[in-house]
Amino acid sequence: MTSGIKLMVILAALTVSACVPRIELAMPKEPITINMNVRIEHDINITADKRSAALLQPVVCPDANACPPAK
């Protein structure tokens, strides 16, 4: 290669390397705030068979001594 071609190759390499994009990450000065207005509603339905429903009914005792012991 002649010196002129070598010089052109070097200049071309320097020109291409000078055009490399630069990516920079910077932290914001203030924290990021997200305001959300959210309304959550729940509707819970519990179903039980007759035997289970009978177990869930409160026991009414006329006398505290006559009540069966709790299991």
N, C-alpha and C. Protein backbone atom coordinates (compact mmCIF):
# COMPACT_ATOMS: atom_id res chain seq x y z
N MET A 1 0.84 -1.18 0.00
CA MET A 1 0.00 0.00 0.00
C MET A 1 0.88 1.24 0.00
N THR A 2 0.41 2.19 -0.65
CA THR A 2 1.16 3.44 -0.66
C THR A 2 0.82 4.26 0.56
N SER A 3 1.62 5.22 0.85
CA SER A 3 1.40 6.02 2.06
C SER A 3 0.12 6.85 1.95
N GLY A 4 -0.29 7.22 0.74
CA GLY A 4 -1.52 7.98 0.56
C GLY A 4 -2.75 7.14 0.89
N ILE A 5 -2.73 5.88 0.51
CA ILE A 5 -3.85 4.99 0.79
C ILE A 5 -3.91 4.68 2.28
N LYS A 6 -2.73 4.47 2.89
CA LYS A 6 -2.70 4.23 4.34
C LYS A 6 -3.27 5.41 5.10
N LEU A 7 -2.91 6.62 4.67
CA LEU A 7 -3.41 7.82 5.32
C LEU A 7 -4.93 7.93 5.17
N MET A 8 -5.43 7.60 4.00
CA MET A 8 -6.88 7.66 3.77
C MET A 8 -7.61 6.63 4.63
N VAL A 9 -7.05 5.43 4.77
CA VAL A 9 -7.66 4.40 5.60
C VAL A 9 -7.68 4.84 7.05
N ILE A 10 -6.59 5.42 7.52
CA ILE A 10 -6.53 5.90 8.91
C ILE A 10 -7.53 7.02 9.14
N LEU A 11 -7.62 7.97 8.22
CA LEU A 11 -8.57 9.07 8.34
C LEU A 11 -10.02 8.56 8.30
N ALA A 12 -10.29 7.58 7.46
CA ALA A 12 -11.63 7.01 7.38
C ALA A 12 -11.99 6.30 8.69
N ALA A 13 -11.02 5.59 9.27
CA ALA A 13 -11.27 4.90 10.54
C ALA A 13 -11.53 5.90 11.65
N LEU A 14 -10.76 6.97 11.69
CA LEU A 14 -10.97 8.00 12.71
C LEU A 14 -12.32 8.70 12.53
N THR A 15 -12.72 8.94 11.30
CA THR A 15 -14.00 9.60 11.03
C THR A 15 -15.17 8.71 11.46
N VAL A 16 -15.09 7.42 11.15
CA VAL A 16 -16.16 6.49 11.52
C VAL A 16 -16.22 6.32 13.04
N SER A 17 -15.07 6.25 13.68
CA SER A 17 -15.07 6.05 15.14
C SER A 17 -15.55 7.30 15.86
N ALA A 18 -15.45 8.46 15.26
CA ALA A 18 -15.91 9.69 15.90
C ALA A 18 -17.43 9.80 15.86
N CYS A 19 -18.10 9.03 15.03
CA CYS A 19 -19.56 9.12 14.89
C CYS A 19 -20.30 8.07 15.70
N VAL A 20 -19.66 7.44 16.65
CA VAL A 20 -20.32 6.42 17.47
C VAL A 20 -21.28 7.11 18.44
N PRO A 21 -22.54 6.71 18.47
CA PRO A 21 -23.49 7.36 19.39
C PRO A 21 -23.16 7.03 20.84
N ARG A 22 -23.46 7.94 21.70
CA ARG A 22 -23.17 7.79 23.12
C ARG A 22 -24.48 7.70 23.89
N ILE A 23 -24.62 6.69 24.70
CA ILE A 23 -25.83 6.49 25.51
C ILE A 23 -25.46 6.78 26.95
N GLU A 24 -26.25 7.64 27.59
CA GLU A 24 -25.97 8.01 28.97
C GLU A 24 -27.23 7.83 29.81
N LEU A 25 -27.08 7.19 30.96
CA LEU A 25 -28.19 7.01 31.89
C LEU A 25 -27.98 7.94 33.07
N ALA A 26 -29.01 8.70 33.40
CA ALA A 26 -28.91 9.63 34.53
C ALA A 26 -30.13 9.45 35.42
N MET A 27 -29.91 9.54 36.71
CA MET A 27 -31.00 9.42 37.68
C MET A 27 -31.76 10.75 37.74
N PRO A 28 -33.09 10.69 37.86
CA PRO A 28 -33.84 11.95 37.98
C PRO A 28 -33.57 12.61 39.33
N LYS A 29 -33.68 13.92 39.38
CA LYS A 29 -33.43 14.65 40.62
C LYS A 29 -34.56 14.46 41.62
N GLU A 30 -35.78 14.33 41.13
CA GLU A 30 -36.95 14.13 41.99
C GLU A 30 -37.49 12.72 41.78
N PRO A 31 -38.09 12.13 42.83
CA PRO A 31 -38.64 10.77 42.66
C PRO A 31 -39.85 10.78 41.73
N ILE A 32 -40.08 9.64 41.13
CA ILE A 32 -41.21 9.49 40.23
C ILE A 32 -42.45 9.20 41.05
N THR A 33 -43.51 9.99 40.84
CA THR A 33 -44.76 9.77 41.56
C THR A 33 -45.84 9.34 40.57
N ILE A 34 -46.60 8.33 40.98
CA ILE A 34 -47.70 7.84 40.16
C ILE A 34 -48.97 7.97 40.99
N ASN A 35 -49.89 8.81 40.54
CA ASN A 35 -51.16 8.99 41.23
C ASN A 35 -52.22 8.14 40.54
N MET A 36 -52.81 7.23 41.33
CA MET A 36 -53.84 6.36 40.78
C MET A 36 -55.09 6.46 41.64
N ASN A 37 -56.19 6.66 41.03
CA ASN A 37 -57.47 6.63 41.72
C ASN A 37 -58.08 5.27 41.42
N VAL A 38 -58.04 4.38 42.40
CA VAL A 38 -58.51 3.02 42.21
C VAL A 38 -59.61 2.74 43.22
N ARG A 39 -60.69 2.17 42.74
CA ARG A 39 -61.79 1.78 43.61
C ARG A 39 -61.97 0.28 43.47
N ILE A 40 -61.84 -0.42 44.60
CA ILE A 40 -61.96 -1.88 44.59
C ILE A 40 -63.17 -2.26 45.43
N GLU A 41 -64.05 -3.02 44.84
CA GLU A 41 -65.23 -3.51 45.56
C GLU A 41 -65.22 -5.04 45.50
N HIS A 42 -65.61 -5.65 46.63
CA HIS A 42 -65.66 -7.10 46.69
C HIS A 42 -67.07 -7.53 47.08
N ASP A 43 -67.52 -8.58 46.49
CA ASP A 43 -68.79 -9.19 46.84
C ASP A 43 -68.51 -10.67 47.06
N ILE A 44 -68.58 -11.10 48.31
CA ILE A 44 -68.23 -12.48 48.66
C ILE A 44 -69.51 -13.21 49.06
N ASN A 45 -69.80 -14.30 48.38
CA ASN A 45 -70.97 -15.12 48.68
C ASN A 45 -70.49 -16.49 49.13
N ILE A 46 -71.01 -16.92 50.28
CA ILE A 46 -70.66 -18.22 50.81
C ILE A 46 -71.90 -19.09 50.82
N THR A 47 -71.79 -20.26 50.20
CA THR A 47 -72.92 -21.19 50.20
C THR A 47 -72.48 -22.46 50.91
N ALA A 48 -73.41 -23.05 51.63
CA ALA A 48 -73.11 -24.28 52.36
C ALA A 48 -74.31 -25.21 52.24
N ASP A 49 -74.05 -26.52 52.33
CA ASP A 49 -75.15 -27.47 52.29
C ASP A 49 -75.89 -27.43 53.63
N LYS A 50 -76.99 -28.16 53.74
CA LYS A 50 -77.85 -28.08 54.92
C LYS A 50 -77.12 -28.53 56.18
N ARG A 51 -76.32 -29.59 56.07
CA ARG A 51 -75.59 -30.08 57.25
C ARG A 51 -74.59 -29.05 57.76
N SER A 52 -73.86 -28.45 56.85
CA SER A 52 -72.88 -27.45 57.24
C SER A 52 -73.55 -26.19 57.77
N ALA A 53 -74.68 -25.80 57.18
CA ALA A 53 -75.39 -24.63 57.65
C ALA A 53 -75.92 -24.85 59.06
N ALA A 54 -76.35 -26.08 59.38
CA ALA A 54 -76.83 -26.37 60.73
C ALA A 54 -75.70 -26.26 61.74
N LEU A 55 -74.49 -26.62 61.35
CA LEU A 55 -73.35 -26.49 62.25
C LEU A 55 -72.97 -25.03 62.48
N LEU A 56 -73.27 -24.18 61.52
CA LEU A 56 -72.91 -22.77 61.65
C LEU A 56 -73.93 -21.96 62.44
N GLN A 57 -75.12 -22.52 62.68
CA GLN A 57 -76.14 -21.79 63.44
C GLN A 57 -75.73 -21.72 64.91
N PRO A 58 -75.98 -20.58 65.56
CA PRO A 58 -75.62 -20.47 66.98
C PRO A 58 -76.53 -21.35 67.85
N VAL A 59 -75.94 -21.87 68.91
CA VAL A 59 -76.68 -22.71 69.84
C VAL A 59 -77.26 -21.79 70.91
N VAL A 60 -78.58 -21.85 71.08
CA VAL A 60 -79.25 -21.02 72.09
C VAL A 60 -79.57 -21.92 73.28
N CYS A 61 -79.03 -21.58 74.43
CA CYS A 61 -79.24 -22.37 75.64
C CYS A 61 -79.96 -21.50 76.68
N PRO A 62 -81.00 -22.03 77.29
CA PRO A 62 -81.69 -21.23 78.31
C PRO A 62 -80.83 -21.08 79.57
N ASP A 63 -79.99 -22.05 79.84
CA ASP A 63 -79.15 -22.02 81.04
C ASP A 63 -77.71 -22.28 80.60
N ALA A 64 -76.78 -21.54 81.14
CA ALA A 64 -75.39 -21.71 80.73
C ALA A 64 -74.87 -23.10 81.10
N ASN A 65 -75.40 -23.73 82.16
CA ASN A 65 -74.95 -25.06 82.56
C ASN A 65 -75.49 -26.14 81.66
N ALA A 66 -76.58 -25.87 80.95
CA ALA A 66 -77.23 -26.87 80.10
C ALA A 66 -76.64 -26.91 78.68
N CYS A 67 -75.81 -25.97 78.35
CA CYS A 67 -75.23 -25.92 76.99
C CYS A 67 -74.21 -27.05 76.81
N PRO A 68 -74.17 -27.64 75.63
CA PRO A 68 -73.17 -28.67 75.37
C PRO A 68 -71.79 -28.02 75.29
N PRO A 69 -70.75 -28.75 75.67
CA PRO A 69 -69.40 -28.17 75.62
C PRO A 69 -68.98 -27.94 74.16
N ALA A 70 -68.18 -26.93 73.96
CA ALA A 70 -67.69 -26.61 72.62
C ALA A 70 -66.63 -27.64 72.21
N LYS A 71 -66.62 -27.99 70.94
CA LYS A 71 -65.64 -28.96 70.45
C LYS A 71 -64.48 -28.26 69.81
